[in-house]
Amino acid sequence: MKVKFLPCKLFLLCCLIILSSTINDGVFADDKPKKKKANKWALSLSVKPYYDSNILKYSEKYIDRFKNGEDPGRFHISSIDDLTIGYSAGLTFTDEFFGKMKTIIGTGYNSDAYTNNSIKTWATFNIFFRQQIASSTTAQFSYSYIPEFYVRHFRDDDWVKYYGYTPETFRPYIFSKDDFSLWLQQILPWKTTRARLYFAYDRYYLDESNTEYDSNDYMFGFRIYQSLFKNLDVNFGYFYTTSDAKGYDEPNETKENSDDSDATNYEHSYFAGIDYLLPKVFSRNNDVSVDFQYLRAFYTTEHYLELDPLHAGRYDYNYRIYVNYNIELSENFSATAFYHWFGRESSTSAEANREYVSNEKDYTQYRLGINFNYIINF
């Protein structure tokens, strides 16, 4: 699969601009003493070790097959779970370019490195531009890029036609992803409520064995953040996402006449959460937050069951729970202990195929760890 280098260049360009600006500020600074100004630059560094119980989101069926040494060629991992080290770096610049309206420009890099299963290690690059439009209105545009994300190995039916059911017919499912996102936030007149509208456009590019899964995804939604008391905030929201999969992998095919899988779907996502500010610990702020997500996805392929058993009539129920404990360790140093749980239940309107879909797509997973974050202002 080709890896695009444009975001890497953008990342390096942003760093070069930041470095040049910093040097210029020092070279052309006025020698006369001036009133101390607020810091405009912020460098954030994070390290996040965590345990992942099911790194490839396998169902019980495939966990058992892995443990029993079945399906030669399917499993390219040494364990179902793993200890992962996440790390990130971000740089922001804050100024007032338009009157008294605040502008923030930022760039960042994030990566999750799996200690025993390096095939799963992945990274993302991002840039963003945030602009205060009015005293109570802010907008942000962002772009992020994932060069390569390994999902797992699947058996390729096209290869089976030539090689039969051999280990070589298991092919890696790998994608790269562009994400373009925009949000608009309004603080309502009574000051205790924030409303945020979201839009995102994602492009998925699959490896050469899975180009029928290339897709264009659109997301629209909103979130409301409400302060109930000085120490208690709640939030809720809804997103609607459509995913238009390519559905074919040969030049002379279309989605309508293809014999390939069609993963086109739409999804409803519901969010709810609370954030509770706890009494200070040794004069340090700390809080606990709990967030819940419920997602329902429906696949819309017109292929009949025998041609596309994985998607025909399929629907998914996804559940996600995020529990975080945040504490301020010093002025610029903080930590977050977290427990995140994920689950999916898949089924289909075709009763005869329900067990197959469930065995392929059901999973549970949790992540338990701690994130350390240090911020340098200058």
Protein backbone atom coordinates (compact mmCIF):
# COMPACT_ATOMS: atom_id res chain seq x y z
CA MET A 1 0.00 0.00 0.00
CA LYS A 2 1.29 3.46 -0.88
CA VAL A 3 1.91 5.76 2.03
CA LYS A 4 1.28 9.44 1.40
CA PHE A 5 3.85 11.85 2.82
CA LEU A 6 1.97 15.16 2.51
CA PRO A 7 0.89 15.30 6.18
CA CYS A 8 4.45 14.54 7.29
CA LYS A 9 5.64 17.49 5.24
CA LEU A 10 2.91 19.68 6.71
CA PHE A 11 3.99 18.62 10.19
CA LEU A 12 7.64 19.46 9.49
CA LEU A 13 6.65 22.74 7.82
CA CYS A 14 4.65 23.81 10.88
CA CYS A 15 7.60 22.99 13.12
CA LEU A 16 9.92 25.00 10.83
CA ILE A 17 7.58 28.01 10.89
CA ILE A 18 7.36 27.81 14.68
CA LEU A 19 11.15 27.58 15.04
CA SER A 20 11.72 30.49 12.64
CA SER A 21 9.19 32.65 14.45
CA THR A 22 10.79 31.90 17.80
CA ILE A 23 14.25 32.84 16.49
CA ASN A 24 12.93 36.06 14.92
CA ASP A 25 11.26 37.06 18.18
CA GLY A 26 14.63 36.78 19.90
CA VAL A 27 16.68 38.52 17.19
CA PHE A 28 14.41 41.52 16.69
CA ALA A 29 13.27 41.98 20.29
CA ASP A 30 13.49 45.50 21.72
CA ASP A 31 16.35 45.87 24.20
CA LYS A 32 14.22 48.10 26.45
CA PRO A 33 12.56 46.30 29.37
CA LYS A 34 8.88 45.71 28.76
CA LYS A 35 5.93 44.53 30.73
CA LYS A 36 5.87 40.74 30.87
CA LYS A 37 3.57 39.32 28.20
CA ALA A 38 1.50 36.19 28.35
CA ASN A 39 3.11 33.08 26.89
CA LYS A 40 2.03 32.40 23.31
CA TRP A 41 3.57 28.98 22.83
CA ALA A 42 2.69 25.72 24.55
CA LEU A 43 4.41 22.37 24.12
CA SER A 44 2.53 19.35 25.43
CA LEU A 45 4.23 15.98 25.98
CA SER A 46 2.35 12.84 27.02
CA VAL A 47 3.18 9.24 27.87
CA LYS A 48 0.34 6.73 28.27
CA PRO A 49 1.09 3.13 29.27
CA TYR A 50 -2.00 0.92 29.24
CA TYR A 51 -3.17 -2.69 29.09
CA ASP A 52 -5.35 -3.70 26.12
CA SER A 53 -7.34 -6.90 26.67
CA ASN A 54 -8.24 -7.59 23.01
CA ILE A 55 -6.01 -5.70 20.59
CA LEU A 56 -7.70 -6.98 17.39
CA LYS A 57 -11.28 -6.98 18.71
CA TYR A 58 -11.66 -10.73 18.20
CA SER A 59 -14.86 -12.61 19.02
CA GLU A 60 -14.75 -15.59 21.37
CA LYS A 61 -14.71 -17.84 18.29
CA TYR A 62 -11.37 -16.48 17.08
CA ILE A 63 -9.89 -16.12 20.55
CA ASP A 64 -10.45 -19.86 20.99
CA ARG A 65 -8.97 -20.61 17.55
CA PHE A 66 -5.89 -18.55 18.39
CA LYS A 67 -5.41 -20.38 21.69
CA ASN A 68 -5.86 -23.75 19.97
CA GLY A 69 -3.39 -22.96 17.16
CA GLU A 70 -6.05 -23.23 14.44
CA ASP A 71 -6.33 -21.32 11.13
CA PRO A 72 -2.66 -21.23 10.03
CA GLY A 73 -1.99 -17.89 8.33
CA ARG A 74 -4.77 -15.96 10.09
CA PHE A 75 -2.98 -14.87 13.25
CA HIS A 76 0.06 -12.62 12.93
CA ILE A 77 0.17 -11.70 16.62
CA SER A 78 1.86 -13.35 19.58
CA SER A 79 -0.95 -12.64 22.07
CA ILE A 80 -4.59 -11.54 22.17
CA ASP A 81 -3.79 -8.84 24.74
CA ASP A 82 -0.81 -6.51 25.08
CA LEU A 83 0.87 -3.76 27.06
CA THR A 84 0.83 -0.60 24.96
CA ILE A 85 2.78 2.64 25.30
CA GLY A 86 1.04 5.66 23.85
CA TYR A 87 2.99 8.87 23.43
CA SER A 88 2.21 12.23 21.91
CA ALA A 89 3.62 15.69 21.33
CA GLY A 90 1.68 18.82 20.51
CA LEU A 91 2.63 22.43 19.85
CA THR A 92 0.25 25.41 19.88
CA PHE A 93 0.57 29.12 19.21
CA THR A 94 -1.98 31.57 20.63
CA ASP A 95 -2.41 35.21 19.60
CA GLU A 96 -5.00 37.85 18.70
CA PHE A 97 -4.82 38.44 14.94
CA PHE A 98 -8.36 39.80 14.54
CA GLY A 99 -8.95 42.53 17.08
CA LYS A 100 -9.34 41.02 20.52
CA MET A 101 -10.44 37.65 19.15
CA LYS A 102 -8.19 34.76 20.19
CA THR A 103 -6.58 32.52 17.56
CA ILE A 104 -4.94 29.17 18.30
CA ILE A 105 -2.89 27.24 15.73
CA GLY A 106 -1.61 23.79 16.60
CA THR A 107 0.00 20.62 15.34
CA GLY A 108 0.60 17.25 16.92
CA TYR A 109 1.79 13.68 16.65
CA ASN A 110 0.37 10.65 18.46
CA SER A 111 1.38 7.00 18.44
CA ASP A 112 0.44 3.77 20.20
CA ALA A 113 3.30 1.26 20.34
CA TYR A 114 2.42 -2.36 21.17
CA THR A 115 5.21 -4.08 23.09
CA ASN A 116 4.60 -7.69 21.91
CA ASN A 117 2.70 -7.12 18.66
CA SER A 118 4.46 -4.42 16.65
CA ILE A 119 2.22 -5.13 13.64
CA LYS A 120 -0.50 -3.23 15.52
CA THR A 121 1.57 -0.08 16.24
CA TRP A 122 0.11 3.00 14.57
CA ALA A 123 0.46 6.78 14.51
CA THR A 124 -1.45 9.90 13.52
CA PHE A 125 -0.47 13.46 12.54
CA ASN A 126 -2.78 16.43 13.01
CA ILE A 127 -3.04 20.18 12.56
CA PHE A 128 -5.80 22.56 13.63
CA PHE A 129 -6.88 26.19 13.47
CA ARG A 130 -9.19 27.57 16.18
CA GLN A 131 -10.70 31.04 15.93
CA GLN A 132 -12.80 33.03 18.36
CA ILE A 133 -15.50 34.68 16.24
CA ALA A 134 -17.27 36.57 19.01
CA SER A 135 -16.97 36.73 22.77
CA SER A 136 -19.12 33.59 23.08
CA THR A 137 -18.53 31.91 19.69
CA THR A 138 -15.57 29.77 18.59
CA ALA A 139 -14.89 27.63 15.52
CA GLN A 140 -12.20 25.06 14.79
CA PHE A 141 -11.02 23.31 11.63
CA SER A 142 -8.69 20.33 11.89
CA TYR A 143 -7.03 17.75 9.69
CA SER A 144 -5.54 14.45 10.79
CA TYR A 145 -3.86 11.64 8.89
CA ILE A 146 -3.24 8.00 9.78
CA PRO A 147 -0.58 6.58 7.41
CA GLU A 148 -1.20 2.92 8.21
CA PHE A 149 -3.58 1.11 10.57
CA TYR A 150 -3.59 -2.69 10.78
CA VAL A 151 -6.98 -4.24 11.59
CA ARG A 152 -6.30 -8.00 11.23
CA HIS A 153 -5.89 -10.71 8.58
CA PHE A 154 -8.95 -11.97 6.69
CA ARG A 155 -9.31 -14.74 4.16
CA ASP A 156 -9.49 -13.27 0.64
CA ASP A 157 -12.11 -15.06 -1.50
CA ASP A 158 -10.40 -13.93 -4.71
CA TRP A 159 -7.21 -15.70 -3.61
CA VAL A 160 -9.14 -18.80 -2.56
CA LYS A 161 -10.27 -19.24 -6.18
CA TYR A 162 -6.63 -19.80 -7.21
CA TYR A 163 -4.92 -21.24 -4.11
CA GLY A 164 -7.72 -22.94 -2.19
CA TYR A 165 -8.03 -22.76 1.57
CA THR A 166 -4.33 -22.34 2.30
CA PRO A 167 -2.51 -20.05 4.77
CA GLU A 168 -1.49 -17.77 1.88
CA THR A 169 -5.10 -16.76 1.26
CA PHE A 170 -5.21 -14.81 4.53
CA ARG A 171 -4.44 -11.20 3.58
CA PRO A 172 -3.85 -8.18 5.86
CA TYR A 173 -6.61 -5.59 6.15
CA ILE A 174 -4.79 -2.24 6.40
CA PHE A 175 -6.08 1.27 5.81
CA SER A 176 -4.88 4.85 5.74
CA LYS A 177 -7.24 7.66 6.66
CA ASP A 178 -7.75 11.38 6.03
CA ASP A 179 -10.01 13.21 8.47
CA PHE A 180 -11.31 16.75 7.88
CA SER A 181 -13.31 18.08 10.84
CA LEU A 182 -15.09 21.30 11.72
CA TRP A 183 -16.92 22.36 14.87
CA LEU A 184 -18.71 25.53 15.90
CA GLN A 185 -19.25 26.31 19.58
CA GLN A 186 -21.67 28.77 21.15
CA ILE A 187 -21.82 29.72 24.83
CA LEU A 188 -25.45 30.49 25.56
CA PRO A 189 -26.43 33.79 27.26
CA TRP A 190 -26.79 32.32 30.75
CA LYS A 191 -23.12 31.21 30.53
CA THR A 192 -23.59 27.71 32.00
CA THR A 193 -24.38 25.97 28.71
CA ARG A 194 -22.17 25.30 25.70
CA ALA A 195 -23.55 23.95 22.43
CA ARG A 196 -21.20 22.54 19.81
CA LEU A 197 -22.07 21.53 16.23
CA TYR A 198 -19.85 19.03 14.40
CA PHE A 199 -19.13 18.06 10.82
CA ALA A 200 -16.50 15.60 9.60
CA TYR A 201 -15.47 14.07 6.30
CA ASP A 202 -13.28 10.96 6.37
CA ARG A 203 -11.61 9.14 3.49
CA TYR A 204 -10.47 5.54 3.96
CA TYR A 205 -7.92 3.99 1.59
CA LEU A 206 -7.51 0.23 1.86
CA ASP A 207 -4.57 -1.97 0.89
CA GLU A 208 -4.51 -3.55 -2.57
CA SER A 209 -6.32 -6.71 -1.41
CA ASN A 210 -9.31 -4.82 0.01
CA THR A 211 -9.97 -1.83 -2.25
CA GLU A 212 -13.71 -2.63 -2.29
CA TYR A 213 -13.71 -1.26 1.28
CA ASP A 214 -12.44 2.21 0.26
CA SER A 215 -15.04 4.64 1.56
CA ASN A 216 -16.16 8.23 1.99
CA ASP A 217 -17.72 8.92 5.38
CA TYR A 218 -19.72 11.97 6.47
CA MET A 219 -20.66 12.83 10.04
CA PHE A 220 -23.03 15.50 11.41
CA GLY A 221 -23.88 16.02 15.05
CA PHE A 222 -24.06 18.10 18.18
CA ARG A 223 -23.05 18.01 21.84
CA ILE A 224 -24.42 20.03 24.75
CA TYR A 225 -22.30 20.76 27.83
CA GLN A 226 -24.21 21.92 30.90
CA SER A 227 -22.83 23.09 34.24
CA LEU A 228 -25.31 22.12 36.97
CA PHE A 229 -23.27 23.13 40.00
CA LYS A 230 -19.79 24.49 40.62
CA ASN A 231 -18.49 20.93 40.87
CA LEU A 232 -20.77 19.05 38.48
CA ASP A 233 -21.04 19.19 34.67
CA VAL A 234 -23.09 16.97 32.37
CA ASN A 235 -23.05 16.51 28.61
CA PHE A 236 -25.07 14.72 25.96
CA GLY A 237 -25.06 14.54 22.17
CA TYR A 238 -25.97 12.81 18.95
CA PHE A 239 -24.02 12.06 15.74
CA TYR A 240 -25.28 10.71 12.43
CA THR A 241 -22.71 9.07 10.16
CA THR A 242 -22.96 7.68 6.64
CA SER A 243 -20.29 5.46 5.09
CA ASP A 244 -20.33 5.01 1.32
CA ALA A 245 -18.11 2.02 0.53
CA LYS A 246 -16.67 1.55 -2.96
CA GLY A 247 -18.05 -2.00 -3.22
CA TYR A 248 -15.92 -3.27 -6.14
CA ASP A 249 -12.26 -3.96 -6.88
CA GLU A 250 -11.94 -4.34 -10.66
CA PRO A 251 -11.84 -1.60 -13.37
CA ASN A 252 -14.79 -3.04 -15.31
CA GLU A 253 -17.05 -3.35 -12.25
CA THR A 254 -19.54 -1.07 -10.53
CA LYS A 255 -21.09 -1.43 -7.10
CA GLU A 256 -24.28 -2.70 -8.73
CA ASN A 257 -22.72 -5.54 -10.77
CA SER A 258 -19.84 -6.40 -8.45
CA ASP A 259 -19.50 -9.73 -6.66
CA ASP A 260 -17.51 -8.10 -3.83
CA SER A 261 -18.54 -7.10 -0.33
CA ASP A 262 -20.44 -3.84 0.06
CA ALA A 263 -19.92 -2.34 3.54
CA THR A 264 -22.04 0.79 2.93
CA ASN A 265 -23.85 1.71 6.16
CA TYR A 266 -25.27 4.47 8.31
CA GLU A 267 -24.93 4.91 12.06
CA HIS A 268 -26.69 6.68 14.94
CA SER A 269 -24.45 7.61 17.91
CA TYR A 270 -25.74 8.77 21.30
CA PHE A 271 -23.54 10.30 24.01
CA ALA A 272 -24.01 11.10 27.70
CA GLY A 273 -21.54 11.91 30.46
CA ILE A 274 -20.82 13.57 33.79
CA ASP A 275 -17.76 15.32 35.21
CA TYR A 276 -17.53 15.71 39.00
CA LEU A 277 -14.94 17.98 40.63
CA LEU A 278 -13.68 16.30 43.79
CA PRO A 279 -12.34 17.99 46.94
CA LYS A 280 -8.71 19.04 46.51
CA VAL A 281 -5.97 16.56 47.35
CA PHE A 282 -2.95 18.30 48.92
CA SER A 283 -4.25 21.56 47.39
CA ARG A 284 -4.38 19.95 43.95
CA ASN A 285 -7.45 19.88 41.71
CA ASN A 286 -8.84 16.49 40.76
CA ASP A 287 -12.01 15.20 39.14
CA VAL A 288 -13.70 12.06 37.89
CA SER A 289 -15.64 11.73 34.63
CA VAL A 290 -17.85 8.96 33.27
CA ASP A 291 -19.00 8.91 29.63
CA PHE A 292 -21.25 6.45 27.83
CA GLN A 293 -21.73 5.96 24.09
CA TYR A 294 -24.36 3.88 22.34
CA LEU A 295 -24.03 3.35 18.58
CA ARG A 296 -26.40 1.61 16.15
CA ALA A 297 -25.13 0.82 12.63
CA PHE A 298 -27.22 -0.53 9.74
CA TYR A 299 -25.73 -1.99 6.53
CA THR A 300 -27.58 -1.19 3.32
CA THR A 301 -26.06 -3.45 0.66
CA GLU A 302 -28.47 -4.69 -1.99
CA HIS A 303 -26.46 -7.90 -2.47
CA TYR A 304 -28.29 -11.06 -1.59
CA LEU A 305 -27.23 -13.12 1.41
CA GLU A 306 -25.23 -15.76 -0.46
CA LEU A 307 -23.09 -13.11 -2.19
CA ASP A 308 -22.39 -10.91 0.85
CA PRO A 309 -23.15 -12.87 4.04
CA LEU A 310 -21.18 -10.47 6.24
CA HIS A 311 -23.21 -7.36 5.34
CA ALA A 312 -26.61 -8.36 3.90
CA GLY A 313 -29.23 -7.25 6.43
CA ARG A 314 -26.60 -6.73 9.13
CA TYR A 315 -26.94 -4.35 12.06
CA ASP A 316 -24.55 -3.62 14.95
CA TYR A 317 -25.01 -2.42 18.50
CA ASN A 318 -21.87 -0.81 19.94
CA TYR A 319 -21.38 0.18 23.57
CA ARG A 320 -18.52 2.24 25.00
CA ILE A 321 -17.84 3.32 28.58
CA TYR A 322 -15.06 5.75 29.56
CA VAL A 323 -14.11 6.26 33.22
CA ASN A 324 -11.34 8.80 33.90
CA TYR A 325 -9.77 10.15 37.08
CA ASN A 326 -7.77 13.34 36.52
CA ILE A 327 -5.40 14.95 39.00
CA GLU A 328 -3.16 18.00 38.80
CA LEU A 329 0.24 16.92 40.14
CA SER A 330 1.92 20.30 39.72
CA GLU A 331 1.33 23.53 37.84
CA ASN A 332 2.19 22.00 34.45
CA PHE A 333 2.07 18.28 35.19
CA SER A 334 -1.09 16.17 35.35
CA ALA A 335 -2.14 12.53 35.25
CA THR A 336 -5.25 10.64 34.16
CA ALA A 337 -6.01 7.11 35.33
CA PHE A 338 -8.55 5.48 33.03
CA TYR A 339 -10.67 2.42 32.38
CA HIS A 340 -12.31 2.20 28.94
CA TRP A 341 -14.65 -0.62 27.95
CA PHE A 342 -15.89 -1.48 24.44
CA GLY A 343 -18.42 -4.02 23.23
CA ARG A 344 -20.23 -4.91 20.01
CA GLU A 345 -23.20 -7.16 19.30
CA SER A 346 -23.84 -7.92 15.63
CA SER A 347 -26.85 -9.58 14.06
CA THR A 348 -28.82 -9.66 10.80
CA SER A 349 -32.38 -9.68 9.57
CA ALA A 350 -31.60 -13.04 7.91
CA GLU A 351 -32.30 -15.47 10.73
CA ALA A 352 -30.29 -18.29 9.15
CA ASN A 353 -27.17 -16.08 9.13
CA ARG A 354 -27.31 -14.61 12.64
CA GLU A 355 -24.93 -17.04 14.27
CA TYR A 356 -22.33 -16.52 11.51
CA VAL A 357 -22.44 -12.71 11.79
CA SER A 358 -22.33 -12.86 15.58
CA ASN A 359 -19.32 -15.19 15.57
CA GLU A 360 -17.50 -12.91 13.12
CA LYS A 361 -18.16 -9.50 14.65
CA ASP A 362 -19.10 -9.69 18.35
CA TYR A 363 -16.36 -8.67 20.77
CA THR A 364 -15.59 -7.16 24.16
CA GLN A 365 -12.45 -5.22 25.06
CA TYR A 366 -11.13 -3.01 27.83
CA ARG A 367 -8.15 -0.74 28.32
CA LEU A 368 -6.70 0.13 31.71
CA GLY A 369 -3.88 2.61 32.17
CA ILE A 370 -2.60 6.03 33.11
CA ASN A 371 -1.70 9.06 31.02
CA PHE A 372 0.97 11.54 32.15
CA ASN A 373 0.90 14.96 30.53
CA TYR A 374 3.44 17.79 30.85
CA ILE A 375 2.96 21.27 29.39
CA ILE A 376 5.75 23.78 28.75
CA ASN A 377 4.62 27.38 28.21
CA PHE A 378 7.00 29.87 26.62
